[in-house]
């Protein structure tokens, strides 16, 4: 079993095309240097260098014949499992797909929470609107001694949202300018509203 360093070294050796051609040739039969050189059209010097390198790595070995020629043969054949790359790619694709599915599920769950929150807010808003209508009806019928007309009540409703200047009150309520000033003074005298820095707002317990 090769360790990581040995595997890297073998891959470096097999990275050379001519060394791979020599190995393929020697898989067929043992060959001597001249035979390898002529078959693969390589210089004898280059062949010898390749053979010696692979011999040092125990990939090749040789036997000598009667004429003292070295016949090289594969001492240890090399087989690379190319399915490893496919496996790694499949795992990567699976991880990516699972990550995508998880992201989609999280987005759907978030959307569902947002829709439920939206529905709950609408329910609460509907209830609040109902309560406002009831309170307006209560004020209009049970406090006629305080509010002379609907314009006064519309001013109170407008000031319930925020403090307003006279021009803003005119725009919100649609009151006439000559009617609004005395109306505001009456509400001030009753302690319902107050004026501060040119803006009108609800006063005291009426602001709660």
Protein backbone atom coordinates (compact mmCIF):
# COMPACT_ATOMS: atom_id res chain seq x y z
CA UNK A 1 0.00 0.00 0.00
CA UNK A 2 1.52 3.30 -1.06
CA UNK A 3 1.46 6.34 1.20
CA UNK A 4 0.58 9.83 -0.04
CA UNK A 5 4.19 10.75 -0.87
CA UNK A 6 4.75 7.57 -2.88
CA UNK A 7 1.47 8.01 -4.74
CA UNK A 8 2.42 11.59 -5.61
CA UNK A 9 5.80 10.40 -6.88
CA UNK A 10 4.24 7.70 -9.02
CA UNK A 11 1.75 10.14 -10.48
CA UNK A 12 4.62 12.45 -11.32
CA UNK A 13 6.38 9.60 -13.12
CA UNK A 14 3.25 8.66 -15.05
CA UNK A 15 2.70 12.31 -15.94
CA UNK A 16 5.28 11.87 -18.69
CA UNK A 17 3.71 10.61 -21.91
CA UNK A 18 6.81 8.71 -23.09
CA UNK A 19 7.12 6.83 -19.81
CA UNK A 20 3.50 5.76 -20.16
CA UNK A 21 4.25 4.58 -23.71
CA UNK A 22 7.20 2.52 -22.44
CA UNK A 23 5.02 0.92 -19.75
CA UNK A 24 2.34 0.07 -22.32
CA UNK A 25 4.98 -1.51 -24.57
CA UNK A 26 6.46 -3.55 -21.74
CA UNK A 27 3.01 -4.82 -20.81
CA UNK A 28 3.08 -6.67 -24.12
CA UNK A 29 6.55 -8.22 -23.75
CA UNK A 30 10.02 -7.58 -22.31
CA UNK A 31 12.15 -5.33 -24.53
CA UNK A 32 15.74 -4.13 -24.65
CA UNK A 33 16.74 -0.48 -25.07
CA UNK A 34 17.23 -0.47 -28.83
CA UNK A 35 13.90 -2.21 -29.39
CA UNK A 36 12.09 0.35 -27.22
CA UNK A 37 13.87 3.21 -28.97
CA UNK A 38 12.97 2.00 -32.47
CA UNK A 39 9.39 1.05 -31.63
CA UNK A 40 8.56 4.35 -29.92
CA UNK A 41 10.85 6.53 -32.06
CA UNK A 42 12.79 7.81 -29.08
CA UNK A 43 16.49 8.39 -28.71
CA UNK A 44 18.34 5.60 -26.84
CA UNK A 45 19.59 8.16 -24.32
CA UNK A 46 16.04 9.30 -23.50
CA UNK A 47 14.90 5.69 -23.24
CA UNK A 48 17.71 4.81 -20.83
CA UNK A 49 16.87 7.81 -18.62
CA UNK A 50 13.23 6.82 -18.45
CA UNK A 51 14.09 3.18 -17.75
CA UNK A 52 16.53 4.03 -14.98
CA UNK A 53 14.02 6.32 -13.29
CA UNK A 54 11.30 3.69 -13.31
CA UNK A 55 13.79 1.03 -12.24
CA UNK A 56 14.68 3.09 -9.14
CA UNK A 57 10.99 3.22 -8.28
CA UNK A 58 10.73 -0.57 -8.65
CA UNK A 59 8.28 -0.21 -11.49
CA UNK A 60 10.66 -1.96 -13.92
CA UNK A 61 13.31 -4.60 -13.64
CA UNK A 62 15.52 -6.35 -16.21
CA UNK A 63 17.21 -9.60 -17.11
CA UNK A 64 20.38 -9.98 -19.13
CA UNK A 65 20.62 -12.40 -22.08
CA UNK A 66 23.68 -14.19 -23.46
CA UNK A 67 24.66 -11.08 -25.40
CA UNK A 68 24.48 -9.07 -22.19
CA UNK A 69 21.50 -7.10 -23.41
CA UNK A 70 19.14 -5.90 -20.72
CA UNK A 71 15.58 -6.96 -21.32
CA UNK A 72 13.31 -4.68 -19.32
CA UNK A 73 9.94 -5.86 -18.04
CA UNK A 74 7.30 -4.61 -15.60
CA UNK A 75 8.24 -5.61 -12.08
CA UNK A 76 5.10 -3.96 -10.68
CA UNK A 77 2.34 -2.93 -13.01
CA UNK A 78 0.47 0.27 -12.22
CA UNK A 79 -3.29 0.57 -12.30
CA UNK A 80 -5.06 3.86 -11.57
CA UNK A 81 -8.68 3.75 -10.45
CA UNK A 82 -10.18 6.61 -12.45
CA UNK A 83 -13.53 6.04 -10.72
CA UNK A 84 -12.18 7.93 -7.71
CA UNK A 85 -12.53 11.22 -9.56
CA UNK A 86 -16.07 10.34 -10.53
CA UNK A 87 -16.85 9.44 -6.93
CA UNK A 88 -15.43 12.71 -5.64
CA UNK A 89 -17.45 14.62 -8.22
CA UNK A 90 -20.62 12.71 -7.27
CA UNK A 91 -20.07 13.46 -3.60
CA UNK A 92 -19.47 17.13 -4.37
CA UNK A 93 -22.63 17.27 -6.48
CA UNK A 94 -24.60 15.54 -3.73
CA UNK A 95 -23.32 17.97 -1.11
CA UNK A 96 -24.15 20.91 -3.38
CA UNK A 97 -27.62 19.51 -4.06
CA UNK A 98 -28.27 18.90 -0.36
CA UNK A 99 -27.08 22.43 0.44
CA UNK A 100 -29.40 23.79 -2.24
CA UNK A 101 -32.32 21.76 -0.87
CA UNK A 102 -31.59 22.92 2.66
CA UNK A 103 -31.45 26.53 1.52
CA UNK A 104 -34.77 26.09 -0.31
CA UNK A 105 -36.37 24.49 2.74
CA UNK A 106 -35.11 27.31 4.96
CA UNK A 107 -36.49 29.89 2.54
CA UNK A 108 -39.88 28.14 2.42
CA UNK A 109 -40.01 27.90 6.22
CA UNK A 110 -39.14 31.60 6.52
CA UNK A 111 -41.84 32.45 3.97
CA UNK A 112 -44.37 30.41 5.93
CA UNK A 113 -43.44 32.22 9.16
CA UNK A 114 -43.76 35.59 7.43
CA UNK A 115 -47.18 34.70 6.01
CA UNK A 116 -48.39 33.48 9.42
CA UNK A 117 -47.10 36.70 11.01
CA UNK A 118 -48.82 38.72 8.28
CA UNK A 119 -52.10 36.88 8.86
CA UNK A 120 -51.81 37.42 12.61
CA UNK A 121 -51.13 41.12 12.13
CA UNK A 122 -54.17 41.39 9.85
CA UNK A 123 -56.31 39.67 12.48
CA UNK A 124 -55.01 42.03 15.15
CA UNK A 125 -55.49 45.03 12.88
CA UNK A 126 -59.06 43.99 12.15
CA UNK A 127 -59.73 43.67 15.87
CA UNK A 128 -58.15 47.07 16.55
CA UNK A 129 -60.19 48.69 13.80
CA UNK A 130 -63.31 47.16 15.34
CA UNK A 131 -62.35 48.50 18.78
CA UNK A 132 -61.71 51.95 17.29
CA UNK A 133 -65.14 51.99 15.70
CA UNK A 134 -66.71 51.05 19.03
CA UNK A 135 -64.75 53.74 20.87
CA UNK A 136 -65.66 56.40 18.30
CA UNK A 137 -69.32 55.47 18.62
CA UNK A 138 -69.03 55.62 22.41
CA UNK A 139 -67.43 59.07 22.32
CA UNK A 140 -69.92 60.44 19.82
CA UNK A 141 -72.99 59.25 21.76
CA UNK A 142 -71.90 59.48 25.39
CA UNK A 143 -69.91 62.72 25.34
CA UNK A 144 -72.14 65.05 23.40
CA UNK A 145 -71.70 67.58 26.18
CA UNK A 146 -67.98 67.88 25.29
CA UNK A 147 -68.01 67.66 21.50
CA UNK A 148 -70.35 70.10 19.76
CA UNK A 149 -70.03 68.61 16.29
CA UNK A 150 -68.28 66.01 14.16
CA UNK A 151 -65.49 68.44 13.20
CA UNK A 152 -64.28 68.54 16.80
CA UNK A 153 -64.27 64.75 16.90
CA UNK A 154 -62.38 64.59 13.58
CA UNK A 155 -59.71 66.90 15.05
CA UNK A 156 -59.36 64.60 18.08
CA UNK A 157 -58.98 61.60 15.77
CA UNK A 158 -56.32 63.39 13.71
CA UNK A 159 -54.36 64.39 16.84
CA UNK A 160 -54.56 60.79 18.10
CA UNK A 161 -52.07 59.89 15.36
CA UNK A 162 -49.53 62.65 16.00
CA UNK A 163 -49.07 66.29 16.90
CA UNK A 164 -50.07 68.55 14.02
CA UNK A 165 -49.75 72.17 12.94
CA UNK A 166 -52.87 74.11 11.90
CA UNK A 167 -52.11 73.65 8.19
CA UNK A 168 -51.77 69.90 8.71
CA UNK A 169 -55.04 69.73 10.65
CA UNK A 170 -56.78 71.59 7.84
CA UNK A 171 -55.41 69.09 5.31
CA UNK A 172 -56.37 66.04 7.36
CA UNK A 173 -59.84 67.08 8.53
CA UNK A 174 -60.94 69.26 5.61
CA UNK A 175 -62.10 71.95 8.04
CA UNK A 176 -62.47 75.58 7.02
CA UNK A 177 -59.76 77.93 8.26
CA UNK A 178 -62.18 80.38 9.87
CA UNK A 179 -63.88 77.51 11.72
CA UNK A 180 -60.76 75.68 12.88
CA UNK A 181 -59.17 78.42 15.02
CA UNK A 182 -62.17 78.87 17.40
CA UNK A 183 -62.66 75.07 17.46
CA UNK A 184 -59.07 74.55 18.64
CA UNK A 185 -59.46 77.26 21.29
CA UNK A 186 -62.57 75.55 22.67
CA UNK A 187 -60.75 72.22 22.90
CA UNK A 188 -57.83 73.92 24.63
CA UNK A 189 -60.13 75.51 27.22
CA UNK A 190 -61.69 72.14 27.94
CA UNK A 191 -58.21 70.70 28.61
CA UNK A 192 -58.47 68.18 25.79
CA UNK A 193 -55.64 69.55 23.64
CA UNK A 194 -52.65 71.83 24.11
CA UNK A 195 -50.42 73.83 21.82
CA UNK A 196 -46.65 73.67 21.94
CA UNK A 197 -44.30 75.38 19.48
CA UNK A 198 -47.07 75.91 16.95
CA UNK A 199 -48.26 72.29 17.05
CA UNK A 200 -51.37 70.86 18.65
CA UNK A 201 -51.47 67.58 20.58
CA UNK A 202 -53.74 65.68 22.93
CA UNK A 203 -53.36 66.62 26.56
CA UNK A 204 -53.12 64.63 29.78
CA UNK A 205 -55.31 61.59 30.13
CA UNK A 206 -56.84 62.27 26.71
CA UNK A 207 -53.45 61.48 25.10
CA UNK A 208 -53.34 57.97 26.59
